[in-house]
């Protein structure tokens, strides 16, 4: 492998501000902010608007849309022509 062409792979602290959850994950993301984690070490810090902790699909709070009713309305409306 060539030297000095790969990005630095390190642990980054991600913060989902919607759910107030923290994730310590290895990443190549570059950030200027740092924050001290529970283990006493300082890690690069990045805030997220949404993650699996706050996304409606993963939390089970997703609203189901009545698509069957909409399809039936469409068929009824345009079946005459």
N, C-alpha and C. Protein backbone atom coordinates (compact mmCIF):
# COMPACT_ATOMS: atom_id res chain seq x y z
N UNK A 1 0.83 -1.19 0.00
CA UNK A 1 0.00 0.00 0.00
C UNK A 1 0.87 1.24 0.00
N UNK A 2 0.35 2.27 -0.62
CA UNK A 2 1.08 3.53 -0.64
C UNK A 2 0.95 4.22 0.71
N UNK A 3 2.00 4.89 1.11
CA UNK A 3 2.00 5.60 2.38
C UNK A 3 1.44 7.01 2.21
N UNK A 4 0.85 7.53 3.27
CA UNK A 4 0.37 8.91 3.37
C UNK A 4 -0.74 9.27 2.38
N UNK A 5 -1.53 8.28 1.91
CA UNK A 5 -2.67 8.61 1.05
C UNK A 5 -4.00 8.24 1.71
N UNK A 6 -3.95 7.47 2.78
CA UNK A 6 -5.16 7.01 3.43
C UNK A 6 -5.56 7.97 4.56
N UNK A 7 -6.85 8.22 4.73
CA UNK A 7 -7.28 9.09 5.84
C UNK A 7 -7.07 8.40 7.18
N UNK A 8 -6.96 9.21 8.21
CA UNK A 8 -6.73 8.68 9.55
C UNK A 8 -8.00 8.00 10.05
N UNK A 9 -7.89 6.75 10.48
CA UNK A 9 -9.01 5.97 10.99
C UNK A 9 -8.92 5.96 12.51
N UNK A 10 -9.87 6.60 13.16
CA UNK A 10 -9.79 6.77 14.62
C UNK A 10 -11.18 6.71 15.22
N UNK A 11 -11.25 6.65 16.54
CA UNK A 11 -12.53 6.65 17.23
C UNK A 11 -13.07 8.08 17.30
N UNK A 12 -14.36 8.25 16.96
CA UNK A 12 -15.02 9.54 16.96
C UNK A 12 -16.28 9.42 17.80
N UNK A 13 -16.54 10.43 18.61
CA UNK A 13 -17.72 10.46 19.46
C UNK A 13 -18.84 11.19 18.72
N UNK A 14 -19.90 10.46 18.40
CA UNK A 14 -21.07 11.02 17.72
C UNK A 14 -22.15 11.27 18.76
N UNK A 15 -22.84 12.41 18.64
CA UNK A 15 -23.91 12.78 19.58
C UNK A 15 -25.19 13.04 18.80
N UNK A 16 -26.21 12.21 19.04
CA UNK A 16 -27.53 12.43 18.45
C UNK A 16 -28.26 13.39 19.37
N UNK A 17 -28.41 14.65 18.95
CA UNK A 17 -29.00 15.67 19.81
C UNK A 17 -30.50 15.48 19.95
N UNK A 18 -31.15 14.79 19.01
CA UNK A 18 -32.59 14.55 19.10
C UNK A 18 -32.94 13.58 20.21
N UNK A 19 -32.12 12.56 20.40
CA UNK A 19 -32.38 11.54 21.41
C UNK A 19 -31.42 11.66 22.59
N UNK A 20 -30.46 12.57 22.50
CA UNK A 20 -29.42 12.76 23.51
C UNK A 20 -28.67 11.46 23.80
N UNK A 21 -28.24 10.79 22.73
CA UNK A 21 -27.49 9.54 22.82
C UNK A 21 -26.10 9.76 22.23
N UNK A 22 -25.12 9.09 22.80
CA UNK A 22 -23.74 9.17 22.32
C UNK A 22 -23.31 7.82 21.76
N UNK A 23 -22.52 7.86 20.69
CA UNK A 23 -21.98 6.66 20.06
C UNK A 23 -20.48 6.87 19.86
N UNK A 24 -19.68 5.92 20.29
CA UNK A 24 -18.24 5.97 20.06
C UNK A 24 -17.94 4.94 18.98
N UNK A 25 -17.63 5.45 17.77
CA UNK A 25 -17.46 4.61 16.59
C UNK A 25 -16.18 5.01 15.88
N UNK A 26 -15.52 4.03 15.28
CA UNK A 26 -14.34 4.35 14.47
C UNK A 26 -14.79 4.95 13.14
N UNK A 27 -14.10 6.01 12.72
CA UNK A 27 -14.47 6.73 11.51
C UNK A 27 -13.27 7.51 10.97
N UNK A 28 -13.39 7.94 9.72
CA UNK A 28 -12.38 8.80 9.11
C UNK A 28 -12.85 10.25 9.06
N UNK A 29 -13.98 10.54 9.70
CA UNK A 29 -14.56 11.88 9.71
C UNK A 29 -13.59 12.87 10.34
N UNK A 30 -13.45 14.04 9.70
CA UNK A 30 -12.58 15.08 10.23
C UNK A 30 -13.44 16.13 10.92
N UNK A 31 -13.10 16.47 12.15
CA UNK A 31 -13.83 17.47 12.91
C UNK A 31 -12.86 18.24 13.79
N UNK A 32 -13.21 19.49 14.08
CA UNK A 32 -12.36 20.33 14.91
C UNK A 32 -12.74 20.27 16.38
N UNK A 33 -13.94 19.78 16.68
CA UNK A 33 -14.41 19.74 18.06
C UNK A 33 -13.93 18.48 18.76
N UNK A 34 -13.71 18.58 20.07
CA UNK A 34 -13.36 17.42 20.88
C UNK A 34 -14.22 17.44 22.14
N UNK A 35 -14.39 16.25 22.73
CA UNK A 35 -15.17 16.15 23.96
C UNK A 35 -14.65 14.97 24.77
N UNK A 36 -14.69 15.12 26.09
CA UNK A 36 -14.24 14.05 26.97
C UNK A 36 -15.37 13.04 27.14
N UNK A 37 -15.04 11.76 27.02
CA UNK A 37 -16.01 10.68 27.10
C UNK A 37 -15.99 10.08 28.50
N UNK A 38 -16.89 9.15 28.79
CA UNK A 38 -17.03 8.54 30.11
C UNK A 38 -15.75 7.86 30.60
N UNK A 39 -14.93 7.38 29.68
CA UNK A 39 -13.71 6.68 30.08
C UNK A 39 -12.56 7.64 30.42
N UNK A 40 -12.81 8.94 30.35
CA UNK A 40 -11.80 9.93 30.71
C UNK A 40 -10.93 10.39 29.56
N UNK A 41 -11.06 9.78 28.39
CA UNK A 41 -10.26 10.16 27.24
C UNK A 41 -11.01 11.20 26.41
N UNK A 42 -10.26 11.99 25.67
CA UNK A 42 -10.83 13.01 24.80
C UNK A 42 -10.85 12.49 23.38
N UNK A 43 -12.03 12.61 22.73
CA UNK A 43 -12.21 12.11 21.38
C UNK A 43 -12.71 13.24 20.47
N UNK A 44 -12.48 13.12 19.16
CA UNK A 44 -13.11 14.06 18.23
C UNK A 44 -14.62 13.93 18.37
N UNK A 45 -15.33 15.05 18.26
CA UNK A 45 -16.77 15.11 18.57
C UNK A 45 -17.55 15.62 17.37
N UNK A 46 -18.68 14.96 17.06
CA UNK A 46 -19.52 15.36 15.93
C UNK A 46 -20.98 15.20 16.32
N UNK A 47 -21.80 16.23 16.07
CA UNK A 47 -23.22 16.16 16.40
C UNK A 47 -24.03 15.70 15.19
N UNK A 48 -25.08 14.94 15.48
CA UNK A 48 -25.98 14.43 14.46
C UNK A 48 -27.39 14.93 14.74
N UNK A 49 -28.15 15.19 13.69
CA UNK A 49 -29.55 15.56 13.86
C UNK A 49 -30.42 14.34 14.07
N UNK A 50 -30.07 13.24 13.42
CA UNK A 50 -30.88 12.03 13.52
C UNK A 50 -29.97 10.81 13.38
N UNK A 51 -30.31 9.77 14.10
CA UNK A 51 -29.58 8.51 14.02
C UNK A 51 -30.57 7.38 14.27
N UNK A 52 -30.07 6.17 14.42
CA UNK A 52 -30.97 5.04 14.68
C UNK A 52 -31.67 5.18 16.02
N UNK A 53 -31.13 5.98 16.93
CA UNK A 53 -31.76 6.17 18.24
C UNK A 53 -32.96 7.10 18.18
N UNK A 54 -33.05 7.95 17.15
CA UNK A 54 -34.16 8.89 17.08
C UNK A 54 -34.97 8.80 15.79
N UNK A 55 -34.56 7.96 14.84
CA UNK A 55 -35.29 7.85 13.59
C UNK A 55 -36.59 7.07 13.82
N UNK A 56 -37.73 7.57 13.31
CA UNK A 56 -39.01 6.91 13.55
C UNK A 56 -39.08 5.47 13.06
N UNK A 57 -38.38 5.14 12.01
CA UNK A 57 -38.41 3.76 11.50
C UNK A 57 -37.79 2.79 12.50
N UNK A 58 -36.68 3.18 13.12
CA UNK A 58 -35.96 2.30 14.03
C UNK A 58 -36.55 2.32 15.44
N UNK A 59 -37.23 3.38 15.82
CA UNK A 59 -37.79 3.46 17.17
C UNK A 59 -39.20 2.88 17.24
N UNK A 60 -39.82 2.57 16.10
CA UNK A 60 -41.16 2.01 16.09
C UNK A 60 -42.25 3.05 16.17
N UNK A 61 -41.92 4.30 16.00
CA UNK A 61 -42.90 5.38 16.06
C UNK A 61 -43.28 5.89 14.68
N UNK A 62 -43.03 5.06 13.68
CA UNK A 62 -43.32 5.45 12.31
C UNK A 62 -44.83 5.42 12.08
N UNK A 63 -45.35 6.42 11.39
CA UNK A 63 -46.77 6.48 11.07
C UNK A 63 -47.02 5.70 9.79
N UNK A 64 -48.02 4.85 9.83
CA UNK A 64 -48.38 4.06 8.65
C UNK A 64 -49.41 4.85 7.84
N UNK A 65 -49.20 4.91 6.55
CA UNK A 65 -50.10 5.60 5.65
C UNK A 65 -51.03 4.57 5.01
N UNK A 66 -52.30 4.90 4.91
CA UNK A 66 -53.28 3.99 4.31
C UNK A 66 -53.14 4.02 2.80
N UNK A 67 -52.16 3.27 2.28
CA UNK A 67 -51.94 3.27 0.83
C UNK A 67 -52.98 2.43 0.12
N UNK A 68 -53.50 1.41 0.77
CA UNK A 68 -54.51 0.57 0.13
C UNK A 68 -55.75 1.39 -0.18
N UNK A 69 -56.15 2.24 0.73
CA UNK A 69 -57.31 3.09 0.50
C UNK A 69 -57.08 4.06 -0.64
N UNK A 70 -55.89 4.57 -0.75
CA UNK A 70 -55.56 5.52 -1.82
C UNK A 70 -55.55 4.82 -3.17
N UNK A 71 -55.08 3.59 -3.22
CA UNK A 71 -55.05 2.82 -4.46
C UNK A 71 -56.48 2.52 -4.90
N UNK A 72 -57.32 2.13 -3.94
CA UNK A 72 -58.72 1.85 -4.27
C UNK A 72 -59.42 3.09 -4.80
N UNK A 73 -59.16 4.24 -4.22
CA UNK A 73 -59.76 5.49 -4.70
C UNK A 73 -59.32 5.77 -6.14
N UNK A 74 -58.04 5.56 -6.40
CA UNK A 74 -57.51 5.80 -7.75
C UNK A 74 -58.17 4.88 -8.76
N UNK A 75 -58.27 3.58 -8.42
CA UNK A 75 -58.89 2.62 -9.33
C UNK A 75 -60.36 2.95 -9.57
N UNK A 76 -61.05 3.33 -8.52
CA UNK A 76 -62.46 3.67 -8.64
C UNK A 76 -62.66 4.91 -9.52
N UNK A 77 -61.80 5.90 -9.36
CA UNK A 77 -61.91 7.14 -10.10
C UNK A 77 -61.63 6.95 -11.58
N UNK A 78 -60.61 6.14 -11.91
CA UNK A 78 -60.17 6.01 -13.30
C UNK A 78 -60.60 4.71 -13.97
N UNK A 79 -61.37 3.89 -13.31
CA UNK A 79 -61.83 2.65 -13.94
C UNK A 79 -62.93 2.90 -14.94
N UNK A 80 -63.60 4.03 -14.84
CA UNK A 80 -64.70 4.36 -15.75
C UNK A 80 -64.20 4.73 -17.13
N UNK A 81 -62.99 5.27 -17.22
CA UNK A 81 -62.49 5.73 -18.53
C UNK A 81 -61.74 4.68 -19.26
